[in-house]
N, C-alpha and C. Protein backbone atom coordinates (compact mmCIF):
# COMPACT_ATOMS: atom_id res chain seq x y z
N UNK A 1 151.16 73.67 131.98
CA UNK A 1 150.99 72.98 133.48
C UNK A 1 152.39 72.25 133.68
N UNK A 2 153.40 72.02 133.22
CA UNK A 2 154.52 71.60 133.31
C UNK A 2 154.98 72.60 134.30
N UNK A 3 154.87 73.92 134.45
CA UNK A 3 155.81 74.68 135.14
C UNK A 3 155.42 74.51 136.66
N UNK A 4 154.47 74.07 136.77
CA UNK A 4 154.20 73.51 138.63
C UNK A 4 154.99 72.34 138.75
N UNK A 5 155.59 71.49 138.12
CA UNK A 5 156.42 70.87 138.54
C UNK A 5 158.04 71.49 138.71
N UNK A 6 158.39 72.54 137.79
CA UNK A 6 159.27 73.36 137.68
C UNK A 6 159.40 73.71 138.86
N UNK A 7 158.28 74.51 139.28
CA UNK A 7 158.37 75.22 140.28
C UNK A 7 158.11 74.23 141.57
N UNK A 8 157.92 73.46 142.02
CA UNK A 8 158.22 71.93 143.15
C UNK A 8 159.70 71.70 142.93
N UNK A 9 159.93 71.52 142.04
CA UNK A 9 161.70 71.13 142.29
C UNK A 9 162.71 72.80 142.79
N UNK A 10 162.05 73.66 142.19
CA UNK A 10 163.10 74.84 142.51
C UNK A 10 162.43 75.38 144.04
N UNK A 11 161.24 74.80 144.60
CA UNK A 11 161.24 75.12 146.10
C UNK A 11 161.61 74.36 146.82
N UNK A 12 161.56 72.87 146.34
CA UNK A 12 162.21 71.96 147.10
C UNK A 12 163.93 72.02 147.26
N UNK A 13 164.33 72.12 146.45
CA UNK A 13 165.73 72.13 146.46
C UNK A 13 166.11 73.40 146.82
N UNK A 14 165.58 74.29 146.83
CA UNK A 14 166.01 76.10 147.57
C UNK A 14 165.22 75.87 148.97
N UNK A 15 164.81 75.15 149.40
CA UNK A 15 164.01 75.47 150.57
C UNK A 15 164.88 74.88 151.89
N UNK A 16 166.25 74.58 151.87
CA UNK A 16 167.08 74.96 152.88
C UNK A 16 167.02 76.64 153.39
N UNK A 17 166.86 77.35 152.38
CA UNK A 17 166.87 78.93 152.88
C UNK A 17 165.80 79.04 153.59
N UNK A 18 164.46 78.52 153.35
CA UNK A 18 163.46 78.27 154.37
C UNK A 18 163.85 78.02 155.89
N UNK A 19 164.40 76.93 155.96
CA UNK A 19 165.17 76.49 157.34
C UNK A 19 165.92 77.62 157.99
N UNK A 20 166.73 78.32 157.11
CA UNK A 20 167.68 78.94 157.83
C UNK A 20 166.90 80.46 157.94
N UNK A 21 165.96 80.68 156.90
CA UNK A 21 165.58 82.16 157.44
C UNK A 21 164.25 82.40 157.90
N UNK A 22 163.38 81.26 157.59
CA UNK A 22 161.92 81.48 158.23
C UNK A 22 161.88 80.41 159.11
N UNK A 23 162.85 79.42 159.66
CA UNK A 23 162.80 78.35 160.71
C UNK A 23 162.25 79.03 161.96
N UNK A 24 162.72 79.96 162.71
CA UNK A 24 162.27 80.44 163.69
C UNK A 24 160.80 81.27 163.56
N UNK A 25 160.53 81.51 162.63
CA UNK A 25 158.82 82.30 162.40
C UNK A 25 158.09 80.68 162.80
N UNK A 26 158.74 79.77 161.75
CA UNK A 26 157.90 78.31 161.98
C UNK A 26 157.80 77.86 163.29
N UNK A 27 158.58 78.14 163.99
CA UNK A 27 159.03 77.37 165.44
C UNK A 27 158.14 78.32 166.38
N UNK A 28 157.80 79.49 165.96
CA UNK A 28 157.09 80.13 166.93
C UNK A 28 155.74 80.50 166.55
N UNK A 29 155.43 79.75 165.78
CA UNK A 29 153.78 79.53 165.32
C UNK A 29 152.99 79.40 166.72
N UNK A 30 151.49 79.84 166.88
CA UNK A 30 151.13 79.49 168.36
C UNK A 30 150.41 78.03 168.10
N UNK A 31 150.25 77.55 168.88
CA UNK A 31 149.80 76.05 169.55
C UNK A 31 148.53 76.23 170.27
N UNK A 32 147.25 76.05 169.89
CA UNK A 32 145.87 75.81 170.53
C UNK A 32 145.86 74.34 171.30
N UNK A 33 146.03 73.77 170.73
CA UNK A 33 146.16 72.22 170.97
C UNK A 33 147.29 71.32 171.06
N UNK A 34 147.34 70.43 172.06
CA UNK A 34 148.94 69.47 172.28
C UNK A 34 148.20 68.44 171.05
N UNK A 35 146.94 68.09 170.78
CA UNK A 35 146.74 66.78 169.93
C UNK A 35 147.56 66.94 168.32
N UNK A 36 148.17 65.89 168.01
CA UNK A 36 149.21 65.75 166.95
C UNK A 36 148.28 66.38 165.91
N UNK A 37 147.04 65.53 165.45
CA UNK A 37 146.04 65.62 164.79
C UNK A 37 145.90 67.66 164.21
N UNK A 38 145.34 68.13 165.19
CA UNK A 38 145.15 69.44 165.22
C UNK A 38 146.21 70.15 165.08
N UNK A 39 147.57 69.89 165.74
CA UNK A 39 148.65 70.67 165.23
C UNK A 39 149.24 70.33 163.60
N UNK A 40 148.93 69.42 163.23
CA UNK A 40 149.31 68.91 161.76
C UNK A 40 148.31 69.98 160.80
N UNK A 41 147.44 70.05 161.15
CA UNK A 41 145.97 70.86 160.49
C UNK A 41 146.53 72.09 160.52
N UNK A 42 146.83 72.92 161.37
CA UNK A 42 147.31 73.83 161.47
C UNK A 42 148.55 74.30 160.76
N UNK A 43 149.51 73.38 160.94
CA UNK A 43 150.54 74.15 160.20
C UNK A 43 150.31 74.03 158.72
N UNK A 44 149.70 72.97 158.10
CA UNK A 44 149.06 72.81 157.07
C UNK A 44 148.32 73.84 156.51
N UNK A 45 147.16 74.71 157.63
CA UNK A 45 146.96 75.64 157.23
C UNK A 45 147.35 77.05 156.98
N UNK A 46 148.78 77.14 157.67
CA UNK A 46 150.09 78.27 157.40
C UNK A 46 150.79 77.80 156.22
N UNK A 47 150.76 76.59 155.65
CA UNK A 47 151.36 76.53 154.62
C UNK A 47 150.59 76.60 153.59
N UNK A 48 149.48 76.19 153.19
CA UNK A 48 148.41 76.80 152.40
C UNK A 48 148.56 77.98 152.37
N UNK A 49 148.09 79.22 153.15
CA UNK A 49 148.02 80.30 153.30
C UNK A 49 149.12 80.95 152.63
N UNK A 50 150.63 80.31 152.54
CA UNK A 50 151.62 80.77 151.81
C UNK A 50 151.64 80.59 150.59
N UNK A 51 151.18 79.00 150.47
CA UNK A 51 150.99 78.79 148.60
C UNK A 51 150.04 80.08 147.96
N UNK A 52 148.98 80.42 149.04
CA UNK A 52 147.89 81.07 147.64
C UNK A 52 148.63 82.60 147.75
N UNK A 53 149.26 82.98 148.30
CA UNK A 53 149.87 84.08 148.70
C UNK A 53 150.95 84.25 147.18
N UNK A 54 151.55 83.22 147.36
CA UNK A 54 152.91 83.25 145.96
C UNK A 54 152.16 83.03 144.77
N UNK A 55 151.00 82.27 144.61
CA UNK A 55 149.88 82.18 143.54
C UNK A 55 149.51 83.23 142.86
N UNK A 56 149.04 84.02 143.80
CA UNK A 56 148.69 85.48 143.37
C UNK A 56 149.71 86.22 143.44
N UNK A 57 150.69 86.17 143.85
CA UNK A 57 152.29 87.21 143.64
C UNK A 57 152.55 86.62 141.92
N UNK A 58 152.40 85.14 141.69
CA UNK A 58 152.67 84.70 140.52
C UNK A 58 151.85 85.80 139.34
N UNK A 59 150.48 85.50 139.84
CA UNK A 59 149.78 86.27 138.85
C UNK A 59 150.02 87.51 138.30
N UNK A 60 150.18 88.43 139.37
CA UNK A 60 150.58 89.73 139.43
C UNK A 60 152.12 90.07 138.27
N UNK A 61 152.97 89.04 138.69
CA UNK A 61 154.29 88.82 137.86
C UNK A 61 153.87 88.65 136.19
N UNK A 62 153.00 87.52 136.08
CA UNK A 62 152.62 87.01 135.11
C UNK A 62 151.94 88.27 134.10
N UNK A 63 151.43 88.54 134.68
CA UNK A 63 150.67 90.04 133.96
C UNK A 63 151.73 90.81 133.34
N UNK A 64 152.92 91.29 134.06
CA UNK A 64 154.02 91.83 133.72
C UNK A 64 154.85 91.31 132.49
N UNK A 65 154.86 89.89 132.37
CA UNK A 65 155.68 88.66 131.86
C UNK A 65 154.84 89.05 130.46
N UNK A 66 153.48 88.50 130.60
CA UNK A 66 153.06 88.54 129.43
C UNK A 66 153.25 90.14 128.29
N UNK A 67 153.05 90.90 128.82
CA UNK A 67 153.53 92.33 128.04
C UNK A 67 154.93 92.44 127.73
N UNK A 68 155.82 91.75 128.44
CA UNK A 68 157.32 91.66 128.03
C UNK A 68 157.60 90.51 126.66
N UNK A 69 156.70 89.46 127.00
CA UNK A 69 156.82 88.31 125.61
C UNK A 69 155.97 88.93 124.30
N UNK A 70 154.81 89.65 124.71
CA UNK A 70 154.34 90.45 123.46
C UNK A 70 155.12 91.33 122.62
N UNK A 71 155.93 92.04 123.60
CA UNK A 71 156.85 93.03 123.14
C UNK A 71 158.20 92.05 122.56
N UNK A 72 158.26 91.16 122.67
CA UNK A 72 159.46 90.57 122.30
C UNK A 72 160.64 90.25 122.61
N UNK A 73 160.79 90.46 124.03
CA UNK A 73 161.84 90.90 124.71
C UNK A 73 162.29 89.84 125.98
N UNK A 74 161.13 88.39 126.21
CA UNK A 74 161.25 87.80 126.64
C UNK A 74 162.63 87.05 126.82
N UNK A 75 163.36 86.67 126.04
CA UNK A 75 164.62 85.85 125.75
C UNK A 75 165.60 86.97 126.61
N UNK A 76 165.73 88.28 125.98
CA UNK A 76 166.57 88.88 126.75
C UNK A 76 166.59 89.12 128.14
N UNK A 77 165.16 88.98 128.46
CA UNK A 77 164.73 89.40 130.15
C UNK A 77 165.29 88.29 130.75
N UNK A 78 165.43 87.38 129.92
CA UNK A 78 165.80 85.98 130.62
C UNK A 78 167.39 86.00 130.69
N UNK A 79 167.90 85.96 130.01
CA UNK A 79 169.47 86.09 129.92
C UNK A 79 170.08 87.37 130.84
N UNK A 80 169.20 88.73 130.73
CA UNK A 80 169.25 89.50 131.23
C UNK A 80 169.32 89.16 132.98
N UNK A 81 168.41 88.92 133.40
CA UNK A 81 168.34 88.43 134.71
C UNK A 81 169.41 87.48 134.83
N UNK A 82 169.73 86.09 134.16
CA UNK A 82 170.20 85.37 134.92
C UNK A 82 171.80 85.90 135.00
N UNK A 83 172.46 87.08 134.15
CA UNK A 83 173.50 87.34 134.71
C UNK A 83 173.46 87.99 135.27
N UNK A 84 172.53 88.82 135.99
CA UNK A 84 172.27 89.84 136.89
C UNK A 84 172.41 88.68 138.54
N UNK A 85 171.95 87.61 138.23
CA UNK A 85 171.84 86.78 139.55
C UNK A 85 173.48 86.38 139.19
N UNK A 86 174.03 86.14 138.34
CA UNK A 86 175.36 85.87 138.84
C UNK A 86 176.40 86.93 138.99
N UNK A 87 176.29 88.14 138.68
CA UNK A 87 176.77 89.65 139.22
C UNK A 87 176.23 89.70 140.85
N UNK A 88 175.30 89.12 141.35
CA UNK A 88 174.97 89.11 142.59
C UNK A 88 176.06 88.48 143.10
N UNK A 89 176.60 87.37 142.95
CA UNK A 89 177.42 86.42 143.76
C UNK A 89 178.98 87.19 143.53
N UNK A 90 179.25 87.47 142.33
CA UNK A 90 180.55 87.95 141.82
C UNK A 90 181.03 89.61 142.52
N UNK A 91 179.69 90.20 142.67
CA UNK A 91 179.95 91.80 142.99
C UNK A 91 179.57 92.57 144.30
N UNK A 92 180.33 92.22 145.21
CA UNK A 92 179.97 92.60 146.60
C UNK A 92 179.14 93.81 146.69
N UNK A 93 179.42 94.79 145.86
CA UNK A 93 178.61 95.93 145.83
C UNK A 93 176.95 95.69 145.62
N UNK A 94 176.78 94.70 144.67
CA UNK A 94 175.22 94.72 144.22
C UNK A 94 174.64 93.79 145.54
N UNK A 95 175.53 93.10 146.07
CA UNK A 95 174.70 92.58 147.37
C UNK A 95 174.19 93.45 148.40
N UNK A 96 175.35 94.22 148.54
CA UNK A 96 175.02 95.29 149.24
C UNK A 96 173.43 96.29 149.12
N UNK A 97 173.41 96.45 147.98
CA UNK A 97 172.36 97.33 147.21
C UNK A 97 170.99 96.58 147.74
N UNK A 98 170.94 94.98 147.86
CA UNK A 98 170.03 94.33 147.32
C UNK A 98 169.61 94.20 148.74
N UNK A 99 171.03 94.31 149.88
CA UNK A 99 170.46 93.77 151.41
C UNK A 99 169.77 95.12 151.73
N UNK A 100 170.17 96.52 150.92
CA UNK A 100 169.57 97.53 151.65
C UNK A 100 167.95 97.93 150.96
N UNK A 101 167.68 97.31 149.92
CA UNK A 101 166.48 97.29 149.55
C UNK A 101 165.70 96.21 150.28
N UNK A 102 166.16 95.07 150.57
CA UNK A 102 165.35 94.19 151.63
C UNK A 102 165.10 94.91 152.81
N UNK A 103 165.88 95.74 153.49
CA UNK A 103 165.74 96.55 154.58
C UNK A 103 164.66 97.22 154.41
N UNK A 104 164.53 98.13 153.29
CA UNK A 104 163.95 99.16 153.27
C UNK A 104 162.30 98.73 153.05
N UNK A 105 162.51 97.26 152.40
CA UNK A 105 160.89 96.85 151.93
C UNK A 105 160.32 96.25 153.43
N UNK A 106 161.08 95.85 154.28
CA UNK A 106 160.97 95.84 155.84
C UNK A 106 159.99 96.52 156.69
N UNK A 107 160.84 97.86 156.27
CA UNK A 107 159.83 99.31 156.73
C UNK A 107 158.52 99.40 155.99
N UNK A 108 158.09 99.14 154.91
CA UNK A 108 157.20 99.26 154.38
C UNK A 108 156.20 98.04 154.50
N UNK A 109 156.43 97.31 155.23
CA UNK A 109 155.19 95.99 155.81
C UNK A 109 155.10 96.12 156.95
N UNK A 110 154.80 97.23 157.95
CA UNK A 110 154.70 97.08 159.18
C UNK A 110 153.68 97.09 159.78
N UNK A 111 152.62 97.50 158.72
CA UNK A 111 151.25 97.13 159.27
C UNK A 111 151.10 95.49 159.21
N UNK A 112 151.65 94.71 158.18
CA UNK A 112 151.57 93.39 157.91
C UNK A 112 152.36 92.52 158.89
N UNK A 113 153.48 93.02 159.51
CA UNK A 113 153.88 92.03 160.52
C UNK A 113 152.96 92.65 162.24
N UNK A 114 152.51 93.92 162.10
CA UNK A 114 151.56 94.26 163.03
C UNK A 114 150.73 93.25 163.44
N UNK A 115 149.93 92.76 162.06
CA UNK A 115 148.53 92.10 161.98
C UNK A 115 149.09 90.69 162.30
N UNK A 116 150.22 90.18 161.85
CA UNK A 116 151.17 89.10 162.55
C UNK A 116 151.01 88.91 164.02
N UNK A 117 151.44 89.89 164.69
CA UNK A 117 151.67 89.88 166.10
C UNK A 117 150.45 89.59 166.65
N UNK A 118 149.21 90.32 166.21
CA UNK A 118 147.76 89.93 166.74
C UNK A 118 147.53 88.78 166.55
N UNK A 119 147.52 87.84 165.53
CA UNK A 119 147.09 86.72 164.89
C UNK A 119 147.96 85.95 165.93
N UNK A 120 149.17 85.74 166.44
CA UNK A 120 150.57 85.18 167.29
C UNK A 120 149.62 84.94 168.56
N UNK A 121 148.48 85.90 169.14
CA UNK A 121 147.80 85.67 170.48
C UNK A 121 147.23 84.60 170.39
N UNK A 122 146.37 84.00 169.04
CA UNK A 122 145.68 83.31 168.92
C UNK A 122 145.91 82.22 167.89
N UNK A 123 145.80 80.83 168.64
CA UNK A 123 146.73 79.65 167.86
C UNK A 123 145.80 78.61 167.41
N UNK A 124 144.29 79.14 166.84
CA UNK A 124 143.18 78.61 166.08
C UNK A 124 143.97 78.59 164.40
N UNK A 125 142.97 77.60 163.90
CA UNK A 125 143.43 77.49 162.29
C UNK A 125 143.47 78.43 161.66
N UNK A 126 142.23 79.02 161.87
CA UNK A 126 142.31 80.36 161.21
C UNK A 126 143.36 81.36 161.28
N UNK A 127 143.58 81.49 162.37
CA UNK A 127 144.48 82.54 162.36
C UNK A 127 145.89 82.10 161.85
N UNK A 128 146.22 80.40 162.08
CA UNK A 128 147.50 80.19 161.30
C UNK A 128 147.41 80.16 159.79
N UNK A 129 145.77 80.19 159.27
CA UNK A 129 146.06 80.16 157.50
C UNK A 129 146.04 82.02 157.27
N UNK A 130 145.77 82.53 158.22
CA UNK A 130 145.86 84.25 157.50
C UNK A 130 147.32 84.45 158.12
N UNK A 131 147.84 84.03 158.85
CA UNK A 131 149.74 84.25 158.95
C UNK A 131 150.00 83.69 157.90
N UNK A 132 149.73 82.54 157.21
CA UNK A 132 150.67 82.18 156.26
C UNK A 132 149.97 83.24 155.09
N UNK A 133 149.43 83.70 154.98
CA UNK A 133 148.80 84.46 153.68
C UNK A 133 149.65 85.59 154.05
N UNK A 134 150.17 86.39 155.04
CA UNK A 134 150.88 87.45 155.53
C UNK A 134 152.29 86.99 155.32
N UNK A 135 152.46 86.09 155.75
CA UNK A 135 153.72 85.62 155.72
C UNK A 135 154.43 85.31 153.97
N UNK A 136 153.33 85.23 153.24
CA UNK A 136 153.80 85.13 151.88
C UNK A 136 154.38 86.93 151.41
N UNK A 137 154.36 87.53 152.14
CA UNK A 137 154.07 89.29 151.55
C UNK A 137 155.32 89.36 152.31
N UNK A 138 156.10 88.85 153.38
CA UNK A 138 157.38 89.23 153.97
C UNK A 138 158.50 89.32 153.01
N UNK A 139 159.53 90.25 153.33
CA UNK A 139 160.51 90.17 152.56
C UNK A 139 161.53 88.76 152.43
N UNK A 140 161.80 88.08 151.36
CA UNK A 140 162.99 87.10 151.50
C UNK A 140 163.01 86.65 150.14
N UNK A 141 164.54 86.76 150.30
CA UNK A 141 165.36 86.60 148.85
C UNK A 141 164.82 85.32 148.07
N UNK A 142 164.78 84.24 148.66
CA UNK A 142 164.30 83.25 147.85
C UNK A 142 162.87 83.60 147.33
N UNK A 143 161.75 84.33 147.78
CA UNK A 143 160.84 84.37 147.14
C UNK A 143 160.90 85.14 145.89
N UNK A 144 161.55 86.56 145.89
CA UNK A 144 162.01 86.93 144.80
C UNK A 144 162.60 86.50 144.09
N UNK A 145 163.50 85.44 144.05
CA UNK A 145 164.15 85.14 143.32
C UNK A 145 163.19 84.15 142.27
N UNK A 146 162.32 83.67 143.03
CA UNK A 146 161.25 82.67 142.46
C UNK A 146 160.57 83.25 141.33
N UNK A 147 160.14 84.66 141.84
CA UNK A 147 159.41 85.85 140.91
C UNK A 147 159.97 86.12 140.34
N UNK A 148 161.59 86.58 139.93
CA UNK A 148 162.26 86.87 139.40
C UNK A 148 162.12 85.77 138.09
N UNK A 149 162.24 84.47 138.55
CA UNK A 149 161.93 83.02 137.51
C UNK A 149 161.02 83.13 136.41
N UNK A 150 159.68 83.24 137.53
CA UNK A 150 158.31 83.77 136.87
C UNK A 150 157.95 84.56 136.04
N UNK A 151 158.68 85.60 136.21
CA UNK A 151 158.65 87.07 135.42
C UNK A 151 159.08 86.77 133.79
N UNK A 152 159.83 85.49 133.42
CA UNK A 152 160.57 85.11 132.70
C UNK A 152 159.92 84.14 131.46
N UNK A 153 158.42 83.34 131.98
CA UNK A 153 157.87 82.55 131.69
C UNK A 153 156.95 82.71 130.51
N UNK A 154 156.22 84.17 130.39
CA UNK A 154 155.63 84.75 129.36
C UNK A 154 154.09 84.74 129.45
N UNK A 155 153.33 83.83 130.39
CA UNK A 155 152.04 83.85 130.74
C UNK A 155 151.63 83.97 131.96
N UNK A 156 150.77 84.59 132.03
CA UNK A 156 149.75 84.87 133.77
C UNK A 156 149.73 83.15 133.93
N UNK A 157 149.03 82.25 133.58
CA UNK A 157 148.86 80.64 133.85
C UNK A 157 150.15 80.32 134.13
N UNK A 158 151.55 80.08 133.45
CA UNK A 158 152.81 79.86 133.63
C UNK A 158 153.31 80.31 135.02
N UNK A 159 153.14 81.78 135.15
CA UNK A 159 153.48 82.14 136.41
C UNK A 159 152.73 81.81 137.34
N UNK A 160 151.68 81.60 137.52
CA UNK A 160 150.84 81.31 138.59
C UNK A 160 151.24 79.72 138.89
N UNK A 161 151.49 79.04 138.18
CA UNK A 161 151.42 77.53 138.18
C UNK A 161 153.00 77.42 139.02
N UNK A 162 153.85 78.05 138.61
CA UNK A 162 155.28 78.15 138.69
C UNK A 162 155.05 78.56 140.32
N UNK A 163 154.71 79.65 140.56
CA UNK A 163 154.66 80.21 142.22
C UNK A 163 154.05 79.27 143.21
N UNK A 164 152.85 78.53 142.58
CA UNK A 164 152.03 77.61 143.11
C UNK A 164 152.97 76.29 143.89
N UNK A 165 153.53 75.84 142.51
CA UNK A 165 154.64 74.53 142.85
C UNK A 165 155.72 74.95 143.80
N UNK A 166 156.28 76.28 143.59
CA UNK A 166 157.17 76.66 144.11
C UNK A 166 156.91 76.66 145.84
N UNK A 167 155.70 77.27 146.10
CA UNK A 167 155.17 77.18 147.37
C UNK A 167 155.10 75.84 148.05
N UNK A 168 154.45 74.41 147.23
CA UNK A 168 154.07 73.50 147.97
C UNK A 168 155.43 72.86 147.80
N UNK A 169 156.40 73.09 147.01
CA UNK A 169 157.80 72.63 147.31
C UNK A 169 158.61 72.82 148.40
N UNK A 170 158.41 73.75 149.11
CA UNK A 170 158.68 74.89 150.42
C UNK A 170 158.14 74.23 151.37
N UNK A 171 156.93 73.45 151.64
CA UNK A 171 156.03 72.84 152.27
C UNK A 171 157.07 71.98 153.07
N UNK A 172 157.06 70.84 152.69
CA UNK A 172 158.07 69.56 153.42
C UNK A 172 158.99 70.09 154.46
N UNK A 173 160.23 71.14 153.93
CA UNK A 173 161.50 71.54 154.67
C UNK A 173 160.47 72.58 156.09
N UNK A 174 159.02 73.45 155.43
CA UNK A 174 159.13 74.19 156.81
C UNK A 174 158.15 73.39 157.84
N UNK A 175 157.86 72.28 157.52
CA UNK A 175 156.80 70.99 158.21
C UNK A 175 157.84 70.32 159.07
N UNK A 176 159.05 70.15 158.41
CA UNK A 176 160.37 69.42 158.98
C UNK A 176 160.56 70.41 160.35
N UNK A 177 160.58 71.62 159.94
CA UNK A 177 161.33 72.29 160.82
C UNK A 177 160.03 72.40 162.15
N UNK A 178 158.71 72.40 161.75
CA UNK A 178 157.47 72.69 162.75
C UNK A 178 157.62 71.46 163.55
N UNK A 179 157.96 70.01 163.10
CA UNK A 179 158.21 68.97 163.48
C UNK A 179 158.95 68.64 164.55
N UNK A 180 160.31 69.09 164.02
CA UNK A 180 161.84 68.71 164.57
C UNK A 180 162.60 69.37 164.66
N UNK A 181 161.92 71.32 164.86
CA UNK A 181 162.98 72.27 164.92
C UNK A 181 164.02 72.32 166.09
N UNK A 182 163.28 71.75 166.86
CA UNK A 182 164.10 72.22 168.26
C UNK A 182 165.54 71.14 167.73
N UNK A 183 165.33 70.10 166.97
CA UNK A 183 166.94 69.24 166.64
C UNK A 183 167.55 70.37 165.58
N UNK A 184 167.32 71.53 165.11
CA UNK A 184 168.11 71.96 164.18
C UNK A 184 168.56 73.18 164.94
N UNK A 185 169.78 73.29 164.63
CA UNK A 185 170.35 74.17 165.90
C UNK A 185 170.36 75.48 164.98
N UNK A 186 170.92 76.67 165.66
CA UNK A 186 171.13 77.73 164.78
C UNK A 186 172.15 77.73 164.01
N UNK A 187 173.04 77.18 164.65
CA UNK A 187 174.61 76.99 163.80
C UNK A 187 174.20 75.87 162.43
N UNK A 188 173.39 74.87 162.11
CA UNK A 188 172.88 74.65 161.31
C UNK A 188 172.23 75.30 160.34
N UNK A 189 171.01 76.26 160.74
CA UNK A 189 170.36 76.56 160.26
C UNK A 189 171.07 77.67 159.24
N UNK A 190 172.04 78.46 159.68
CA UNK A 190 173.31 79.28 159.21
C UNK A 190 173.69 78.31 158.10
N UNK A 191 174.26 77.49 158.41
CA UNK A 191 175.59 76.48 157.42
C UNK A 191 173.93 76.52 156.14
N UNK A 192 173.22 75.87 156.36
CA UNK A 192 171.90 75.70 155.29
C UNK A 192 171.64 77.16 154.58
N UNK A 193 172.03 77.81 155.22
CA UNK A 193 171.22 79.65 154.68
C UNK A 193 172.70 79.86 153.65
N UNK A 194 174.13 79.64 154.25
CA UNK A 194 175.20 79.35 153.62
C UNK A 194 175.12 78.76 151.84
N UNK A 195 174.05 77.65 151.81
CA UNK A 195 174.02 77.01 150.92
C UNK A 195 173.38 78.18 149.54
N UNK A 196 172.69 79.18 149.91
CA UNK A 196 171.97 79.88 148.92
C UNK A 196 172.89 80.42 147.53
N UNK A 197 174.16 80.76 148.09
CA UNK A 197 174.54 81.08 146.80
C UNK A 197 174.69 80.41 145.57
N UNK A 198 174.96 78.81 145.98
CA UNK A 198 175.39 78.15 144.97
C UNK A 198 173.85 78.05 144.08
N UNK A 199 172.48 77.96 145.02
CA UNK A 199 171.49 77.71 144.46
C UNK A 199 171.31 78.90 143.34
N UNK A 200 171.55 80.05 143.66
CA UNK A 200 171.22 81.20 143.02
C UNK A 200 172.32 81.08 141.47
N UNK A 201 173.28 80.67 141.79
CA UNK A 201 174.20 80.67 140.66
C UNK A 201 173.61 79.72 139.29
N UNK A 202 172.83 78.57 140.17
CA UNK A 202 172.25 77.53 139.49
C UNK A 202 171.34 77.91 138.37
N UNK A 203 170.52 78.99 139.36
CA UNK A 203 169.19 79.16 138.73
C UNK A 203 169.78 80.49 137.72
N UNK A 204 170.61 81.22 137.87
CA UNK A 204 171.45 82.19 137.03
C UNK A 204 171.53 81.59 135.60
N UNK A 205 172.54 80.26 135.75
CA UNK A 205 172.87 79.69 134.57
C UNK A 205 171.47 78.91 133.66
N UNK A 206 170.46 78.69 134.44
CA UNK A 206 169.53 78.02 133.77
C UNK A 206 168.60 79.19 133.27
N UNK A 207 168.57 80.15 133.81
CA UNK A 207 168.04 81.32 133.21
C UNK A 207 168.76 81.83 131.94
N UNK A 208 170.10 81.94 132.01
CA UNK A 208 170.79 82.25 130.45
C UNK A 208 170.43 81.04 129.50
N UNK A 209 170.78 79.83 129.86
CA UNK A 209 170.48 78.67 128.81
C UNK A 209 169.13 78.83 128.49
N UNK A 210 167.75 79.64 129.02
CA UNK A 210 166.92 79.27 128.54
C UNK A 210 166.41 80.60 127.80
N UNK A 211 166.93 81.52 127.85
CA UNK A 211 166.75 82.95 127.06
C UNK A 211 168.03 82.68 125.80
N UNK A 212 168.61 81.88 126.11
CA UNK A 212 169.47 81.61 124.29
C UNK A 212 168.69 80.55 123.62
N UNK A 213 167.61 79.97 123.89
CA UNK A 213 166.87 79.35 123.00
C UNK A 213 167.60 78.50 121.86
N UNK A 214 167.91 77.38 122.62
CA UNK A 214 169.16 76.38 121.90
C UNK A 214 168.27 75.06 121.74
N UNK A 215 167.17 75.01 122.06
CA UNK A 215 166.57 73.71 121.55
C UNK A 215 166.39 72.90 122.07
N UNK A 216 166.97 73.15 123.44
CA UNK A 216 166.82 71.67 124.62
C UNK A 216 165.63 71.68 125.19
N UNK A 217 164.85 70.68 125.18
CA UNK A 217 163.69 70.69 125.75
C UNK A 217 163.47 70.82 127.02
N UNK A 218 162.41 71.74 127.31
CA UNK A 218 162.09 72.05 128.89
C UNK A 218 163.55 73.27 129.33
N UNK A 219 164.92 72.68 129.25
CA UNK A 219 166.02 73.67 129.77
C UNK A 219 165.80 74.67 128.99
N UNK A 220 166.28 74.66 127.51
CA UNK A 220 166.34 76.19 126.83
C UNK A 220 165.53 75.66 125.51
N UNK A 221 164.06 75.52 125.59
CA UNK A 221 163.19 75.15 124.70
C UNK A 221 163.23 75.98 123.47
N UNK A 222 162.89 75.81 122.45
CA UNK A 222 163.12 76.89 120.96
C UNK A 222 161.46 77.55 120.96
N UNK A 223 161.91 79.50 121.28
CA UNK A 223 160.77 79.90 121.36
C UNK A 223 160.14 80.35 120.06
């Protein structure tokens, strides 16, 4: 259960990436009514949809994590993933490869984006909820980073709690964009996005420490 709090911290601290990447999507969400209560309700529905998708993805990753844990490779996986994250920052070729993989994934989800376009024609709460559900499947390096972290947790429940917390942790930033997005210029969104490498480095170091089994509560617990 404590992993939901770890996910909350992960999502909240890294949500500057959401402002930089998903800000335009949040700003373009349809609005059926100008009433503030309806506006907040529709945005809440959109964000709850995202959380549900992230939680389900956490469950899928958790199944794989369980098999890895049973096989005894959980610590090695955590260290390996942490090193890979640090390498993505130090080695430009790896970033190029990851960018290409992300672009390929865009071509694989054309149907999803097509459905989202259809939903954008309707501003009711149900449509916003479905847009949130589909949004969770869109290519996003930050979500991939969260799922990679969830992969090291060892159980389905821990991975789901972590990803649910992650989703809820990003809601304040996404609501802020919806409510005051016009005050956040494209330049500032890019600046916030540029902070991502520092966050990736921090996550990489934490995963390495976790895998080293140093007996530090929560950060590197004895397994």
